[in-house]
Amino acid sequence: QVQLVESGGGLVQAGGSLRLSCAASGRTFSNYGMGWFRQAPGKEREFVAATNWSGGSTYYGDSYYADSVKGRFTISKDNARNMLYLQMNSLKPEDTAVYYCAARYGGIRTTWGRYDYWGQGTQVTVSS
């Protein structure tokens, strides 16, 4: 049974930083794409960033970012510990959302419906 558990959310002022973590368990994630999505109140869930765990399709390269976070957010992973991270710098009020970790076999995709496994989410609130 795949489990994804996010942590690290919180309240931060605009311009600040947060690092989200996602603990993945239940299987080996070779050829899996691992992604971060977010959902603000009243809005659809949107893609933030994704990376290939190991192997997987290289259509999007090894890592891929939404334009809105490119240059501010960095996705990384620790394969030995089965951990996925999202370092968020220069945060803006519009980054406020629930952030979700997600996994899918076959590598990176940017559409949330293409992901098979989801965490419960962690709230990020950026004050102005």
Protein backbone atom coordinates (compact mmCIF):
# COMPACT_ATOMS: atom_id res chain seq x y z
CA GLN A 1 0.00 0.00 0.00
CA VAL A 2 1.58 3.23 -1.16
CA GLN A 3 1.58 6.01 1.40
CA LEU A 4 2.62 9.59 0.88
CA VAL A 5 2.81 11.83 3.94
CA GLU A 6 3.54 15.54 3.58
CA SER A 7 4.90 17.83 6.25
CA GLY A 8 6.54 21.22 6.57
CA GLY A 9 3.71 23.58 5.78
CA GLY A 10 2.97 26.64 7.85
CA LEU A 11 2.53 30.39 7.96
CA VAL A 12 5.28 32.56 6.49
CA GLN A 13 5.61 36.19 5.45
CA ALA A 14 5.95 37.16 1.83
CA GLY A 15 9.56 36.79 0.72
CA GLY A 16 10.18 33.97 3.18
CA SER A 17 10.98 30.32 2.63
CA LEU A 18 9.57 26.93 3.54
CA ARG A 19 10.65 23.38 2.78
CA LEU A 20 7.98 20.76 2.29
CA SER A 21 8.76 17.09 2.78
CA CYS A 22 6.97 13.99 1.52
CA ALA A 23 7.69 10.59 3.04
CA ALA A 24 6.96 7.84 0.51
CA SER A 25 6.47 4.20 1.50
CA GLY A 26 4.83 0.97 0.43
CA ARG A 27 6.85 0.06 -2.65
CA THR A 28 9.97 0.87 -4.60
CA PHE A 29 9.51 3.90 -6.78
CA SER A 30 11.71 3.06 -9.73
CA ASN A 31 10.24 4.51 -12.94
CA TYR A 32 7.85 6.65 -10.93
CA GLY A 33 7.25 10.34 -11.39
CA MET A 34 6.87 12.25 -8.13
CA GLY A 35 5.09 15.56 -8.14
CA TRP A 36 3.91 18.47 -6.07
CA PHE A 37 0.52 20.02 -6.73
CA ARG A 38 -1.38 22.73 -4.91
CA GLN A 39 -4.96 23.80 -4.50
CA ALA A 40 -6.13 27.18 -3.29
CA PRO A 41 -9.70 27.74 -2.02
CA GLY A 42 -12.14 27.91 -4.91
CA LYS A 43 -9.51 26.97 -7.47
CA GLU A 44 -8.58 23.82 -9.32
CA ARG A 45 -5.63 21.71 -8.26
CA GLU A 46 -2.59 22.86 -10.20
CA PHE A 47 0.80 21.45 -11.04
CA VAL A 48 3.80 22.90 -9.20
CA ALA A 49 6.81 20.67 -9.88
CA ALA A 50 7.76 17.07 -10.57
CA THR A 51 10.79 14.84 -10.82
CA ASN A 52 11.61 11.34 -11.91
CA TRP A 53 12.39 9.11 -8.93
CA SER A 54 14.72 6.94 -10.99
CA GLY A 55 14.20 6.02 -14.60
CA GLY A 56 10.82 6.94 -16.00
CA SER A 57 9.96 8.98 -19.06
CA THR A 58 12.32 11.80 -19.88
CA TYR A 59 9.82 13.73 -21.99
CA TYR A 60 9.86 16.55 -19.43
CA GLY A 61 13.51 16.06 -18.51
CA ASP A 62 14.52 14.95 -15.04
CA SER A 63 12.61 17.75 -13.31
CA TYR A 64 9.93 20.16 -14.45
CA TYR A 65 8.35 23.27 -12.98
CA ALA A 66 5.28 25.36 -13.49
CA ASP A 67 6.15 28.78 -14.89
CA SER A 68 4.71 30.45 -11.81
CA VAL A 69 7.32 28.87 -9.52
CA LYS A 70 10.31 28.51 -11.83
CA GLY A 71 13.39 30.05 -10.26
CA ARG A 72 11.80 30.17 -6.79
CA PHE A 73 10.99 26.53 -6.01
CA THR A 74 13.29 23.53 -6.19
CA ILE A 75 12.20 19.90 -6.15
CA SER A 76 14.62 17.29 -4.86
CA LYS A 77 14.64 13.75 -3.55
CA ASP A 78 16.56 11.44 -1.28
CA ASN A 79 16.21 8.02 -2.85
CA ALA A 80 17.84 6.23 0.07
CA ARG A 81 15.33 7.67 2.53
CA ASN A 82 12.35 7.65 0.16
CA MET A 83 11.87 11.37 0.70
CA LEU A 84 10.68 14.05 -1.71
CA TYR A 85 11.21 17.73 -0.99
CA LEU A 86 10.03 21.09 -2.25
CA GLN A 87 12.17 24.05 -1.28
CA MET A 88 10.11 27.21 -1.67
CA ASN A 89 11.87 30.57 -1.66
CA SER A 90 10.67 34.11 -2.29
CA LEU A 91 7.17 33.08 -1.35
CA LYS A 92 4.25 35.22 -2.47
CA PRO A 93 0.71 35.49 -1.12
CA GLU A 94 -0.52 33.79 -4.28
CA ASP A 95 1.45 30.69 -3.29
CA THR A 96 -1.04 30.16 -0.46
CA ALA A 97 -2.64 26.74 -0.94
CA VAL A 98 -2.79 23.18 0.28
CA TYR A 99 0.23 21.40 -1.18
CA TYR A 100 -0.02 17.75 -2.16
CA CYS A 101 2.61 15.14 -2.92
CA ALA A 102 1.69 12.70 -5.69
CA ALA A 103 3.16 9.67 -7.47
CA ARG A 104 2.56 7.91 -10.77
CA TYR A 105 4.19 5.06 -12.61
CA GLY A 106 5.90 6.07 -15.83
CA GLY A 107 7.45 9.42 -15.00
CA ILE A 108 6.52 13.06 -14.96
CA ARG A 109 3.17 14.41 -16.05
CA THR A 110 1.70 17.83 -15.30
CA THR A 111 -1.97 16.86 -15.09
CA TRP A 112 -3.20 15.90 -11.65
CA GLY A 113 -5.56 13.26 -13.02
CA ARG A 114 -2.58 11.28 -14.32
CA TYR A 115 -1.29 10.60 -10.80
CA ASP A 116 -2.25 7.46 -8.94
CA TYR A 117 -1.26 8.15 -5.35
CA TRP A 118 -1.76 11.23 -3.20
CA GLY A 119 -0.86 12.48 0.23
CA GLN A 120 -3.27 14.24 2.55
CA GLY A 121 -1.83 17.69 1.90
CA THR A 122 -0.12 20.35 3.97
CA GLN A 123 -1.28 23.96 4.27
CA VAL A 124 1.01 26.77 3.19
CA THR A 125 -0.10 30.31 4.01
CA VAL A 126 1.89 33.32 2.86
CA SER A 127 0.96 36.63 4.46
CA SER A 128 1.53 39.97 2.76
